[in-house]
Amino acid sequence: MLKDFKAFLMQGNIVDLAVAFVMGVVFGALVNSLVKNLVMPIIAMIIGKPDFSNLTFTINDAIFRYGAFINDAITFAATAAAVFFFVVKPVQAAMSRKKKPGEEAVPAAERRHQELLAALKAR
């Protein structure tokens, strides 16, 4: 049983998932630093406030911290932009370079179906 568990852990998918998780955590810290140290000072130059976490309003002793939400929304937007420009676009570019010029956009399975249909018609 222990041997099976070890084999399960050593599968490529689990190792890939672990690496992706660690890279995701590090990437999140990097983007948070980008927002905190570069984006928010630029916003502070424009608006005059480097941090919105102090923005609140109160209704019946309930405190609504909408400034923290604004900070989180900015972090989310920066994370989405970073993922798009540093992960999605490079992968798309690599995939388009990998595709041979003039190659059909027909998937292999559909192409095989067309070949089989043509063979049946020829009979």
N, C-alpha and C. Protein backbone atom coordinates (compact mmCIF):
# COMPACT_ATOMS: atom_id res chain seq x y z
N MET A 1 0.82 -1.19 0.00
CA MET A 1 0.00 0.00 0.00
C MET A 1 0.87 1.26 0.00
N LEU A 2 1.93 1.24 0.78
CA LEU A 2 2.84 2.38 0.82
C LEU A 2 3.54 2.55 -0.52
N LYS A 3 3.85 1.44 -1.17
CA LYS A 3 4.49 1.47 -2.48
C LYS A 3 3.55 2.12 -3.51
N ASP A 4 2.25 1.77 -3.44
CA ASP A 4 1.27 2.36 -4.36
C ASP A 4 1.14 3.86 -4.13
N PHE A 5 1.15 4.25 -2.85
CA PHE A 5 1.05 5.68 -2.54
C PHE A 5 2.26 6.43 -3.07
N LYS A 6 3.44 5.85 -2.91
CA LYS A 6 4.66 6.47 -3.43
C LYS A 6 4.60 6.58 -4.95
N ALA A 7 4.11 5.54 -5.61
CA ALA A 7 3.98 5.58 -7.07
C ALA A 7 2.99 6.66 -7.49
N PHE A 8 1.91 6.81 -6.73
CA PHE A 8 0.93 7.85 -7.01
C PHE A 8 1.56 9.24 -6.89
N LEU A 9 2.33 9.44 -5.83
CA LEU A 9 2.97 10.74 -5.63
C LEU A 9 4.01 11.06 -6.69
N MET A 10 4.64 10.04 -7.23
CA MET A 10 5.71 10.27 -8.20
C MET A 10 5.20 10.37 -9.64
N GLN A 11 3.89 10.25 -9.83
CA GLN A 11 3.34 10.43 -11.17
C GLN A 11 3.63 11.85 -11.64
N GLY A 12 3.76 12.01 -12.92
CA GLY A 12 4.05 13.32 -13.48
C GLY A 12 3.00 14.36 -13.15
N ASN A 13 1.72 13.96 -13.13
CA ASN A 13 0.66 14.92 -12.88
C ASN A 13 0.76 15.54 -11.49
N ILE A 14 1.05 14.74 -10.49
CA ILE A 14 1.14 15.24 -9.12
C ILE A 14 2.34 16.17 -8.98
N VAL A 15 3.45 15.78 -9.54
CA VAL A 15 4.65 16.62 -9.47
C VAL A 15 4.41 17.93 -10.22
N ASP A 16 3.79 17.85 -11.39
CA ASP A 16 3.48 19.07 -12.15
C ASP A 16 2.55 19.97 -11.36
N LEU A 17 1.56 19.39 -10.71
CA LEU A 17 0.63 20.16 -9.90
C LEU A 17 1.34 20.84 -8.74
N ALA A 18 2.23 20.13 -8.09
CA ALA A 18 2.98 20.71 -6.97
C ALA A 18 3.85 21.87 -7.44
N VAL A 19 4.52 21.69 -8.56
CA VAL A 19 5.35 22.77 -9.11
C VAL A 19 4.48 23.96 -9.48
N ALA A 20 3.34 23.71 -10.12
CA ALA A 20 2.44 24.79 -10.50
C ALA A 20 1.92 25.54 -9.28
N PHE A 21 1.62 24.81 -8.21
CA PHE A 21 1.14 25.45 -6.99
C PHE A 21 2.21 26.37 -6.40
N VAL A 22 3.43 25.87 -6.29
CA VAL A 22 4.52 26.68 -5.74
C VAL A 22 4.77 27.90 -6.62
N MET A 23 4.79 27.70 -7.93
CA MET A 23 5.00 28.83 -8.84
C MET A 23 3.85 29.84 -8.74
N GLY A 24 2.62 29.35 -8.54
CA GLY A 24 1.48 30.24 -8.38
C GLY A 24 1.59 31.09 -7.13
N VAL A 25 2.04 30.49 -6.04
CA VAL A 25 2.21 31.24 -4.79
C VAL A 25 3.28 32.31 -4.98
N VAL A 26 4.39 31.95 -5.58
CA VAL A 26 5.47 32.90 -5.80
C VAL A 26 5.03 33.99 -6.77
N PHE A 27 4.32 33.61 -7.82
CA PHE A 27 3.83 34.58 -8.79
C PHE A 27 2.85 35.55 -8.13
N GLY A 28 2.00 35.05 -7.24
CA GLY A 28 1.07 35.91 -6.51
C GLY A 28 1.81 36.92 -5.64
N ALA A 29 2.86 36.48 -4.97
CA ALA A 29 3.66 37.40 -4.16
C ALA A 29 4.33 38.45 -5.03
N LEU A 30 4.79 38.04 -6.20
CA LEU A 30 5.43 38.98 -7.12
C LEU A 30 4.43 40.03 -7.61
N VAL A 31 3.24 39.60 -7.97
CA VAL A 31 2.22 40.55 -8.44
C VAL A 31 1.78 41.47 -7.31
N ASN A 32 1.63 40.93 -6.09
CA ASN A 32 1.29 41.79 -4.96
C ASN A 32 2.35 42.85 -4.73
N SER A 33 3.61 42.48 -4.86
CA SER A 33 4.69 43.44 -4.73
C SER A 33 4.63 44.48 -5.84
N LEU A 34 4.33 44.04 -7.06
CA LEU A 34 4.19 44.96 -8.18
C LEU A 34 3.10 45.99 -7.90
N VAL A 35 1.97 45.53 -7.41
CA VAL A 35 0.86 46.45 -7.12
C VAL A 35 1.23 47.40 -5.99
N LYS A 36 1.77 46.84 -4.91
CA LYS A 36 2.08 47.65 -3.73
C LYS A 36 3.19 48.66 -4.00
N ASN A 37 4.23 48.25 -4.71
CA ASN A 37 5.41 49.10 -4.85
C ASN A 37 5.49 49.90 -6.14
N LEU A 38 4.71 49.54 -7.16
CA LEU A 38 4.77 50.28 -8.42
C LEU A 38 3.42 50.86 -8.84
N VAL A 39 2.37 50.06 -8.79
CA VAL A 39 1.07 50.54 -9.27
C VAL A 39 0.45 51.54 -8.29
N MET A 40 0.42 51.20 -7.02
CA MET A 40 -0.21 52.10 -6.04
C MET A 40 0.50 53.45 -5.93
N PRO A 41 1.83 53.54 -5.99
CA PRO A 41 2.45 54.87 -6.01
C PRO A 41 2.05 55.69 -7.24
N ILE A 42 1.86 55.04 -8.39
CA ILE A 42 1.40 55.77 -9.58
C ILE A 42 -0.02 56.28 -9.35
N ILE A 43 -0.86 55.44 -8.76
CA ILE A 43 -2.22 55.88 -8.44
C ILE A 43 -2.18 57.01 -7.42
N ALA A 44 -1.25 56.93 -6.46
CA ALA A 44 -1.11 57.99 -5.47
C ALA A 44 -0.71 59.31 -6.12
N MET A 45 0.13 59.25 -7.15
CA MET A 45 0.51 60.48 -7.86
C MET A 45 -0.71 61.10 -8.54
N ILE A 46 -1.59 60.27 -9.07
CA ILE A 46 -2.74 60.76 -9.82
C ILE A 46 -3.87 61.20 -8.87
N ILE A 47 -4.20 60.34 -7.91
CA ILE A 47 -5.36 60.58 -7.05
C ILE A 47 -4.97 61.27 -5.74
N GLY A 48 -3.78 60.99 -5.26
CA GLY A 48 -3.34 61.61 -4.01
C GLY A 48 -3.35 60.66 -2.82
N LYS A 49 -3.84 59.44 -3.00
CA LYS A 49 -3.85 58.44 -1.92
C LYS A 49 -3.14 57.18 -2.39
N PRO A 50 -2.12 56.73 -1.66
CA PRO A 50 -1.43 55.51 -2.08
C PRO A 50 -2.13 54.23 -1.64
N ASP A 51 -3.03 54.36 -0.67
CA ASP A 51 -3.68 53.17 -0.11
C ASP A 51 -5.13 53.52 0.20
N PHE A 52 -6.04 52.68 -0.25
CA PHE A 52 -7.46 52.95 -0.06
C PHE A 52 -8.05 52.19 1.13
N SER A 53 -7.23 51.43 1.84
CA SER A 53 -7.77 50.56 2.90
C SER A 53 -8.41 51.35 4.04
N ASN A 54 -8.10 52.62 4.18
CA ASN A 54 -8.69 53.43 5.24
C ASN A 54 -10.06 53.98 4.87
N LEU A 55 -10.50 53.81 3.64
CA LEU A 55 -11.79 54.33 3.21
C LEU A 55 -12.90 53.44 3.74
N THR A 56 -13.77 54.02 4.54
CA THR A 56 -14.89 53.28 5.14
C THR A 56 -16.11 54.18 5.24
N PHE A 57 -17.24 53.57 5.46
CA PHE A 57 -18.43 54.30 5.88
C PHE A 57 -19.19 53.43 6.87
N THR A 58 -20.00 54.06 7.70
CA THR A 58 -20.68 53.35 8.77
C THR A 58 -22.19 53.55 8.66
N ILE A 59 -22.92 52.46 8.81
CA ILE A 59 -24.38 52.50 8.88
C ILE A 59 -24.80 51.64 10.07
N ASN A 60 -25.46 52.27 11.04
CA ASN A 60 -25.93 51.55 12.24
C ASN A 60 -24.82 50.73 12.89
N ASP A 61 -23.71 51.32 13.14
CA ASP A 61 -22.54 50.69 13.78
C ASP A 61 -21.89 49.59 12.94
N ALA A 62 -22.34 49.40 11.72
CA ALA A 62 -21.68 48.44 10.82
C ALA A 62 -20.70 49.21 9.95
N ILE A 63 -19.45 48.77 9.97
CA ILE A 63 -18.40 49.46 9.22
C ILE A 63 -18.20 48.75 7.88
N PHE A 64 -18.32 49.50 6.82
CA PHE A 64 -18.11 48.99 5.47
C PHE A 64 -16.76 49.48 4.98
N ARG A 65 -15.83 48.55 4.79
CA ARG A 65 -14.46 48.88 4.38
C ARG A 65 -14.33 48.73 2.86
N TYR A 66 -14.91 49.66 2.14
CA TYR A 66 -14.87 49.58 0.69
C TYR A 66 -13.49 49.88 0.13
N GLY A 67 -12.65 50.55 0.89
CA GLY A 67 -11.29 50.84 0.44
C GLY A 67 -10.46 49.57 0.29
N ALA A 68 -10.64 48.63 1.21
CA ALA A 68 -9.93 47.35 1.10
C ALA A 68 -10.36 46.61 -0.15
N PHE A 69 -11.66 46.71 -0.47
CA PHE A 69 -12.16 46.09 -1.71
C PHE A 69 -11.51 46.74 -2.93
N ILE A 70 -11.36 48.06 -2.91
CA ILE A 70 -10.71 48.75 -4.04
C ILE A 70 -9.28 48.26 -4.19
N ASN A 71 -8.56 48.14 -3.08
CA ASN A 71 -7.19 47.61 -3.14
C ASN A 71 -7.16 46.20 -3.73
N ASP A 72 -8.08 45.34 -3.28
CA ASP A 72 -8.13 43.97 -3.80
C ASP A 72 -8.51 43.94 -5.28
N ALA A 73 -9.40 44.84 -5.69
CA ALA A 73 -9.78 44.90 -7.11
C ALA A 73 -8.59 45.32 -7.97
N ILE A 74 -7.79 46.25 -7.48
CA ILE A 74 -6.60 46.67 -8.21
C ILE A 74 -5.60 45.52 -8.30
N THR A 75 -5.42 44.79 -7.20
CA THR A 75 -4.53 43.63 -7.20
C THR A 75 -5.03 42.56 -8.17
N PHE A 76 -6.34 42.32 -8.19
CA PHE A 76 -6.92 41.34 -9.11
C PHE A 76 -6.67 41.76 -10.56
N ALA A 77 -6.91 43.03 -10.87
CA ALA A 77 -6.72 43.51 -12.24
C ALA A 77 -5.25 43.38 -12.65
N ALA A 78 -4.34 43.71 -11.74
CA ALA A 78 -2.92 43.58 -12.05
C ALA A 78 -2.53 42.12 -12.24
N THR A 79 -3.08 41.23 -11.42
CA THR A 79 -2.79 39.80 -11.55
C THR A 79 -3.31 39.27 -12.88
N ALA A 80 -4.54 39.64 -13.22
CA ALA A 80 -5.12 39.20 -14.50
C ALA A 80 -4.30 39.71 -15.67
N ALA A 81 -3.87 40.96 -15.61
CA ALA A 81 -3.05 41.52 -16.69
C ALA A 81 -1.70 40.81 -16.78
N ALA A 82 -1.09 40.55 -15.63
CA ALA A 82 0.21 39.87 -15.62
C ALA A 82 0.08 38.46 -16.19
N VAL A 83 -0.94 37.73 -15.78
CA VAL A 83 -1.14 36.38 -16.32
C VAL A 83 -1.38 36.43 -17.82
N PHE A 84 -2.19 37.39 -18.26
CA PHE A 84 -2.49 37.49 -19.68
C PHE A 84 -1.24 37.80 -20.50
N PHE A 85 -0.48 38.82 -20.07
CA PHE A 85 0.66 39.26 -20.87
C PHE A 85 1.91 38.39 -20.70
N PHE A 86 2.07 37.74 -19.54
CA PHE A 86 3.28 36.96 -19.30
C PHE A 86 3.09 35.46 -19.41
N VAL A 87 1.83 34.99 -19.50
CA VAL A 87 1.58 33.56 -19.63
C VAL A 87 0.76 33.27 -20.89
N VAL A 88 -0.43 33.85 -20.99
CA VAL A 88 -1.34 33.52 -22.08
C VAL A 88 -0.77 33.93 -23.44
N LYS A 89 -0.36 35.18 -23.58
CA LYS A 89 0.15 35.66 -24.87
C LYS A 89 1.41 34.91 -25.32
N PRO A 90 2.40 34.68 -24.44
CA PRO A 90 3.56 33.90 -24.89
C PRO A 90 3.20 32.47 -25.30
N VAL A 91 2.28 31.83 -24.59
CA VAL A 91 1.87 30.48 -24.97
C VAL A 91 1.16 30.50 -26.32
N GLN A 92 0.29 31.49 -26.54
CA GLN A 92 -0.38 31.62 -27.84
C GLN A 92 0.63 31.84 -28.95
N ALA A 93 1.63 32.69 -28.70
CA ALA A 93 2.65 32.94 -29.71
C ALA A 93 3.45 31.68 -30.00
N ALA A 94 3.79 30.92 -28.97
CA ALA A 94 4.54 29.68 -29.17
C ALA A 94 3.71 28.66 -29.94
N MET A 95 2.43 28.58 -29.64
CA MET A 95 1.56 27.64 -30.35
C MET A 95 1.41 28.03 -31.82
N SER A 96 1.33 29.33 -32.10
CA SER A 96 1.17 29.75 -33.50
C SER A 96 2.47 29.52 -34.28
N ARG A 97 3.62 29.65 -33.62
CA ARG A 97 4.90 29.37 -34.29
C ARG A 97 5.04 27.88 -34.55
N LYS A 98 4.50 27.07 -33.65
CA LYS A 98 4.60 25.62 -33.78
C LYS A 98 3.76 25.12 -34.94
N LYS A 99 2.65 25.80 -35.21
CA LYS A 99 1.77 25.41 -36.31
C LYS A 99 2.47 25.76 -37.62
N LYS A 100 2.51 24.81 -38.51
CA LYS A 100 3.20 25.00 -39.78
C LYS A 100 2.38 25.90 -40.69
N PRO A 101 3.04 26.76 -41.46
CA PRO A 101 2.30 27.62 -42.39
C PRO A 101 1.53 26.78 -43.39
N GLY A 102 0.30 27.17 -43.64
CA GLY A 102 -0.53 26.46 -44.60
C GLY A 102 -1.19 25.21 -44.03
N GLU A 103 -0.92 24.92 -42.77
CA GLU A 103 -1.52 23.73 -42.15
C GLU A 103 -3.01 23.97 -41.96
N GLU A 104 -3.78 22.93 -42.24
CA GLU A 104 -5.22 23.05 -42.11
C GLU A 104 -5.61 23.20 -40.65
N ALA A 105 -6.72 23.88 -40.45
CA ALA A 105 -7.25 24.03 -39.11
C ALA A 105 -8.15 22.87 -38.72
N VAL A 106 -8.20 21.83 -39.56
CA VAL A 106 -9.06 20.68 -39.30
C VAL A 106 -8.37 19.77 -38.28
N PRO A 107 -9.05 19.42 -37.19
CA PRO A 107 -8.45 18.52 -36.20
C PRO A 107 -8.15 17.15 -36.80
N ALA A 108 -7.21 16.45 -36.22
CA ALA A 108 -6.77 15.15 -36.74
C ALA A 108 -7.92 14.14 -36.78
N ALA A 109 -8.77 14.13 -35.76
CA ALA A 109 -9.88 13.17 -35.73
C ALA A 109 -10.85 13.44 -36.88
N GLU A 110 -11.13 14.70 -37.14
CA GLU A 110 -12.05 15.03 -38.23
C GLU A 110 -11.42 14.69 -39.58
N ARG A 111 -10.13 14.93 -39.71
CA ARG A 111 -9.42 14.59 -40.94
C ARG A 111 -9.49 13.08 -41.18
N ARG A 112 -9.33 12.29 -40.11
CA ARG A 112 -9.40 10.83 -40.22
C ARG A 112 -10.81 10.39 -40.63
N HIS A 113 -11.82 11.05 -40.06
CA HIS A 113 -13.20 10.74 -40.44
C HIS A 113 -13.43 11.02 -41.93
N GLN A 114 -12.87 12.11 -42.42
CA GLN A 114 -13.02 12.44 -43.84
C GLN A 114 -12.33 11.40 -44.72
N GLU A 115 -11.16 10.93 -44.28
CA GLU A 115 -10.44 9.90 -45.05
C GLU A 115 -11.24 8.60 -45.09
N LEU A 116 -11.80 8.21 -43.95
CA LEU A 116 -12.61 6.99 -43.90
C LEU A 116 -13.86 7.12 -44.75
N LEU A 117 -14.50 8.28 -44.72
CA LEU A 117 -15.69 8.51 -45.54
C LEU A 117 -15.35 8.43 -47.02
N ALA A 118 -14.22 9.02 -47.40
CA ALA A 118 -13.79 8.96 -48.80
C ALA A 118 -13.49 7.52 -49.22
N ALA A 119 -12.89 6.73 -48.32
CA ALA A 119 -12.59 5.33 -48.63
C ALA A 119 -13.88 4.53 -48.80
N LEU A 120 -14.88 4.81 -47.97
CA LEU A 120 -16.16 4.12 -48.09
C LEU A 120 -16.87 4.49 -49.39
N LYS A 121 -16.80 5.75 -49.77
CA LYS A 121 -17.43 6.19 -51.02
C LYS A 121 -16.75 5.56 -52.23
N ALA A 122 -15.45 5.32 -52.14
CA ALA A 122 -14.69 4.76 -53.25
C ALA A 122 -15.07 3.30 -53.49
N ARG A 123 -15.60 2.62 -52.52
CA ARG A 123 -15.98 1.20 -52.65
C ARG A 123 -17.18 1.14 -53.47
